[in-house]
C-alpha atoms as a PDB file:
ATOM      1  CA  UNK A   1     135.756   2.016 156.675  1.00  0.00           C
ATOM      2  CA  UNK A   2     137.739  -1.274 157.006  1.00  0.00           C
ATOM      3  CA  UNK A   3     137.811  -1.027 161.343  1.00  0.00           C
ATOM      4  CA  UNK A   4     133.807  -0.350 161.078  1.00  0.00           C
ATOM      5  CA  UNK A   5     133.358  -3.254 159.052  1.00  0.00           C
ATOM      6  CA  UNK A   6     135.370  -5.205 160.172  1.00  0.00           C
ATOM      7  CA  UNK A   7     134.098  -4.522 163.765  1.00  0.00           C
ATOM      8  CA  UNK A   8     130.087  -5.434 162.110  1.00  0.00           C
ATOM      9  CA  UNK A   9     131.878  -8.561 160.570  1.00  0.00           C
ATOM     10  CA  UNK A  10     132.997  -9.595 163.752  1.00  0.00           C
ATOM     11  CA  UNK A  11     129.816  -9.198 165.450  1.00  0.00           C
ATOM     12  CA  UNK A  12     127.380 -10.537 163.147  1.00  0.00           C
ATOM     13  CA  UNK A  13     130.021 -13.553 162.845  1.00  0.00           C
ATOM     14  CA  UNK A  14     130.580 -12.675 158.888  1.00  0.00           C
ATOM     15  CA  UNK A  15     134.131 -14.528 158.006  1.00  0.00           C
ATOM     16  CA  UNK A  16     134.873 -12.769 155.179  1.00  0.00           C
ATOM     17  CA  UNK A  17     134.044  -8.882 154.175  1.00  0.00           C
ATOM     18  CA  UNK A  18     135.725  -6.354 152.227  1.00  0.00           C
ATOM     19  CA  UNK A  19     135.547  -2.719 152.800  1.00  0.00           C
ATOM     20  CA  UNK A  20     136.837   0.681 150.537  1.00  0.00           C
ATOM     21  CA  UNK A  21     136.654  -1.003 146.880  1.00  0.00           C
ATOM     22  CA  UNK A  22     135.810   0.919 144.025  1.00  0.00           C
ATOM     23  CA  UNK A  23     132.488   0.494 142.107  1.00  0.00           C
ATOM     24  CA  UNK A  24     133.629  -1.657 139.697  1.00  0.00           C
ATOM     25  CA  UNK A  25     135.798  -3.386 142.071  1.00  0.00           C
ATOM     26  CA  UNK A  26     132.857  -4.532 143.986  1.00  0.00           C
ATOM     27  CA  UNK A  27     130.681  -5.672 141.163  1.00  0.00           C
ATOM     28  CA  UNK A  28     133.691  -7.443 140.013  1.00  0.00           C
ATOM     29  CA  UNK A  29     134.303  -9.412 143.727  1.00  0.00           C
ATOM     30  CA  UNK A  30     130.754  -9.997 143.906  1.00  0.00           C
ATOM     31  CA  UNK A  31     130.463 -11.716 141.044  1.00  0.00           C
ATOM     32  CA  UNK A  32     133.277 -14.008 141.618  1.00  0.00           C
ATOM     33  CA  UNK A  33     132.644 -15.095 144.297  1.00  0.00           C
ATOM     34  CA  UNK A  34     128.383 -15.830 143.178  1.00  0.00           C
ATOM     35  CA  UNK A  35     130.856 -18.086 140.453  1.00  0.00           C
ATOM     36  CA  UNK A  36     132.184 -19.724 143.023  1.00  0.00           C
ATOM     37  CA  UNK A  37     128.640 -20.921 143.728  1.00  0.00           C
ATOM     38  CA  UNK A  38     128.643 -18.836 147.501  1.00  0.00           C
ATOM     39  CA  UNK A  39     125.756 -16.664 148.309  1.00  0.00           C
ATOM     40  CA  UNK A  40     126.460 -12.794 148.582  1.00  0.00           C
ATOM     41  CA  UNK A  41     125.394 -10.199 151.124  1.00  0.00           C
ATOM     42  CA  UNK A  42     126.010  -6.653 150.348  1.00  0.00           C
ATOM     43  CA  UNK A  43     125.248  -4.005 151.575  1.00  0.00           C
ATOM     44  CA  UNK A  44     125.507  -0.028 150.551  1.00  0.00           C
ATOM     45  CA  UNK A  45     123.747   3.035 150.890  1.00  0.00           C
ATOM     46  CA  UNK A  46     125.214   5.311 147.269  1.00  0.00           C
ATOM     47  CA  UNK A  47     125.289   4.617 143.945  1.00  0.00           C
ATOM     48  CA  UNK A  48     128.249   3.514 143.483  1.00  0.00           C
ATOM     49  CA  UNK A  49     127.174   0.551 145.791  1.00  0.00           C
ATOM     50  CA  UNK A  50     123.956  -0.345 143.050  1.00  0.00           C
ATOM     51  CA  UNK A  51     125.050  -2.395 140.642  1.00  0.00           C
ATOM     52  CA  UNK A  52     126.603  -4.488 143.439  1.00  0.00           C
ATOM     53  CA  UNK A  53     123.995  -4.691 145.297  1.00  0.00           C
ATOM     54  CA  UNK A  54     122.109  -5.762 142.695  1.00  0.00           C
ATOM     55  CA  UNK A  55     123.818  -8.443 141.906  1.00  0.00           C
ATOM     56  CA  UNK A  56     124.299  -9.674 145.268  1.00  0.00           C
ATOM     57  CA  UNK A  57     121.874 -12.469 146.625  1.00  0.00           C
ATOM     58  CA  UNK A  58     120.841 -10.146 149.644  1.00  0.00           C
ATOM     59  CA  UNK A  59     121.317  -6.150 148.738  1.00  0.00           C
ATOM     60  CA  UNK A  60     121.378  -4.180 151.564  1.00  0.00           C
ATOM     61  CA  UNK A  61     120.356  -0.443 151.270  1.00  0.00           C
ATOM     62  CA  UNK A  62     121.534   1.432 154.269  1.00  0.00           C
ATOM     63  CA  UNK A  63     118.673   4.364 155.360  1.00  0.00           C
ATOM     64  CA  UNK A  64     119.360   7.387 154.409  1.00  0.00           C
ATOM     65  CA  UNK A  65     121.104   6.538 150.968  1.00  0.00           C
ATOM     66  CA  UNK A  66     120.753   7.566 147.997  1.00  0.00           C
ATOM     67  CA  UNK A  67     116.878   6.191 145.644  1.00  0.00           C
ATOM     68  CA  UNK A  68     118.829   3.865 143.306  1.00  0.00           C
ATOM     69  CA  UNK A  69     120.571   1.697 146.271  1.00  0.00           C
ATOM     70  CA  UNK A  70     117.504   1.431 147.920  1.00  0.00           C
ATOM     71  CA  UNK A  71     115.601   0.620 144.820  1.00  0.00           C
ATOM     72  CA  UNK A  72     118.232  -2.016 143.609  1.00  0.00           C
ATOM     73  CA  UNK A  73     118.135  -3.627 147.470  1.00  0.00           C
ATOM     74  CA  UNK A  74     115.887  -6.280 148.395  1.00  0.00           C
ATOM     75  CA  UNK A  75     116.002  -4.926 152.251  1.00  0.00           C
ATOM     76  CA  UNK A  76     116.059  -1.506 153.101  1.00  0.00           C
ATOM     77  CA  UNK A  77     117.693  -0.744 156.571  1.00  0.00           C
ATOM     78  CA  UNK A  78     115.915   2.659 157.516  1.00  0.00           C
ATOM     79  CA  UNK A  79     118.590   2.772 160.317  1.00  0.00           C
ATOM     80  CA  UNK A  80     122.215   4.202 159.888  1.00  0.00           C
ATOM     81  CA  UNK A  81     123.736   1.938 162.191  1.00  0.00           C
ATOM     82  CA  UNK A  82     125.611  -0.537 160.890  1.00  0.00           C
ATOM     83  CA  UNK A  83     124.659  -2.393 163.973  1.00  0.00           C
ATOM     84  CA  UNK A  84     121.091  -2.598 162.753  1.00  0.00           C
ATOM     85  CA  UNK A  85     122.924  -5.643 160.138  1.00  0.00           C
ATOM     86  CA  UNK A  86     123.440  -7.174 163.135  1.00  0.00           C
ATOM     87  CA  UNK A  87     120.529  -7.308 164.617  1.00  0.00           C
ATOM     88  CA  UNK A  88     118.594  -8.403 161.765  1.00  0.00           C
ATOM     89  CA  UNK A  89     121.669 -11.054 161.271  1.00  0.00           C
ATOM     90  CA  UNK A  90     120.112 -12.533 164.265  1.00  0.00           C
ATOM     91  CA  UNK A  91     116.451 -11.755 163.798  1.00  0.00           C
ATOM     92  CA  UNK A  92     117.155 -14.020 160.247  1.00  0.00           C
ATOM     93  CA  UNK A  93     118.705 -16.730 161.955  1.00  0.00           C
ATOM     94  CA  UNK A  94     116.076 -17.244 164.857  1.00  0.00           C
ATOM     95  CA  UNK A  95     113.734 -17.275 162.198  1.00  0.00           C
ATOM     96  CA  UNK A  96     114.861 -19.738 160.375  1.00  0.00           C
ATOM     97  CA  UNK A  97     115.350 -21.673 163.471  1.00  0.00           C
ATOM     98  CA  UNK A  98     111.381 -21.561 164.364  1.00  0.00           C
ATOM     99  CA  UNK A  99     110.822 -22.176 160.457  1.00  0.00           C
ATOM    100  CA  UNK A 100     112.955 -25.082 160.711  1.00  0.00           C
ATOM    101  CA  UNK A 101     111.155 -26.254 164.271  1.00  0.00           C
ATOM    102  CA  UNK A 102     107.649 -25.713 163.333  1.00  0.00           C
ATOM    103  CA  UNK A 103     107.818 -27.515 159.440  1.00  0.00           C
ATOM    104  CA  UNK A 104     109.574 -30.978 161.505  1.00  0.00           C
ATOM    105  CA  UNK A 105     106.312 -30.409 164.156  1.00  0.00           C
ATOM    106  CA  UNK A 106     104.098 -30.275 161.422  1.00  0.00           C
ATOM    107  CA  UNK A 107     105.025 -33.103 159.767  1.00  0.00           C
ATOM    108  CA  UNK A 108     105.011 -35.254 162.738  1.00  0.00           C
ATOM    109  CA  UNK A 109     101.504 -34.382 163.209  1.00  0.00           C
ATOM    110  CA  UNK A 110      99.734 -34.216 159.978  1.00  0.00           C
ATOM    111  CA  UNK A 111     101.818 -37.789 159.068  1.00  0.00           C
ATOM    112  CA  UNK A 112     100.663 -39.135 162.771  1.00  0.00           C
ATOM    113  CA  UNK A 113      96.885 -38.018 161.368  1.00  0.00           C
ATOM    114  CA  UNK A 114      96.724 -39.527 158.124  1.00  0.00           C
ATOM    115  CA  UNK A 115      98.149 -42.834 159.462  1.00  0.00           C
ATOM    116  CA  UNK A 116      95.604 -42.922 162.586  1.00  0.00           C
ATOM    117  CA  UNK A 117      93.422 -41.516 159.973  1.00  0.00           C
ATOM    118  CA  UNK A 118      94.062 -44.420 157.414  1.00  0.00           C
ATOM    119  CA  UNK A 119      93.941 -47.405 159.664  1.00  0.00           C
ATOM    120  CA  UNK A 120      90.495 -46.256 160.696  1.00  0.00           C
ATOM    121  CA  UNK A 121      92.248 -44.956 164.213  1.00  0.00           C
ATOM    122  CA  UNK A 122      90.226 -41.682 163.715  1.00  0.00           C
ATOM    123  CA  UNK A 123      87.478 -40.333 162.295  1.00  0.00           C
ATOM    124  CA  UNK A 124      88.080 -37.420 159.044  1.00  0.00           C
ATOM    125  CA  UNK A 125      86.656 -35.363 161.444  1.00  0.00           C
ATOM    126  CA  UNK A 126      88.467 -35.876 164.263  1.00  0.00           C
ATOM    127  CA  UNK A 127      91.620 -35.283 161.750  1.00  0.00           C
ATOM    128  CA  UNK A 128      90.295 -32.183 160.860  1.00  0.00           C
ATOM    129  CA  UNK A 129      89.678 -30.827 163.965  1.00  0.00           C
ATOM    130  CA  UNK A 130      93.066 -32.074 165.533  1.00  0.00           C
ATOM    131  CA  UNK A 131      95.355 -30.956 162.301  1.00  0.00           C
ATOM    132  CA  UNK A 132      93.542 -27.102 162.588  1.00  0.00           C
ATOM    133  CA  UNK A 133      93.924 -27.125 166.417  1.00  0.00           C
ATOM    134  CA  UNK A 134      97.925 -28.233 166.298  1.00  0.00           C
ATOM    135  CA  UNK A 135      98.047 -25.222 163.538  1.00  0.00           C
ATOM    136  CA  UNK A 136      96.858 -22.625 166.184  1.00  0.00           C
ATOM    137  CA  UNK A 137      98.614 -24.212 168.554  1.00  0.00           C
ATOM    138  CA  UNK A 138     102.093 -24.325 166.778  1.00  0.00           C
ATOM    139  CA  UNK A 139     100.935 -20.234 164.848  1.00  0.00           C
ATOM    140  CA  UNK A 140     100.661 -19.331 168.866  1.00  0.00           C
ATOM    141  CA  UNK A 141     103.199 -20.722 169.680  1.00  0.00           C
ATOM    142  CA  UNK A 142     105.726 -19.270 167.669  1.00  0.00           C
ATOM    143  CA  UNK A 143     103.567 -15.967 168.088  1.00  0.00           C
ATOM    144  CA  UNK A 144     104.559 -15.738 171.929  1.00  0.00           C
ATOM    145  CA  UNK A 145     107.610 -13.771 171.640  1.00  0.00           C
ATOM    146  CA  UNK A 146     105.562 -11.499 170.180  1.00  0.00           C
ATOM    147  CA  UNK A 147     102.393 -11.056 172.439  1.00  0.00           C
ATOM    148  CA  UNK A 148     104.147  -9.924 175.004  1.00  0.00           C
END
């Protein structure tokens, strides 16, 4: 419904949404938005949603929905609670933040080790040990929230 879609969009930080559209309107809307060069996430649970789910950059099928919607979707939410979309958005943003941070750290560390190796300040063995050690340290740092 319009009211539910508005609430979920607001909670997820989504600034534009559509609700209560016919199947052909859903597909046409996704096609138009993609044609403008924008990225589209589509949420649906039924046969009528399947064409638009398949066309979207990210299709999310809600649990309990039709098999065809689940087949064409990129992500299947096992929960039928629309708040799961908000949780997924927050989790994915956290993942992107961690990946960006890790990538920067890894590039800086590897560049420094490479420079030290080229100048002869450290041996290839030391560089390899430091590289592997930093990889393990960054991995454990990123995983610490999940190890509790």
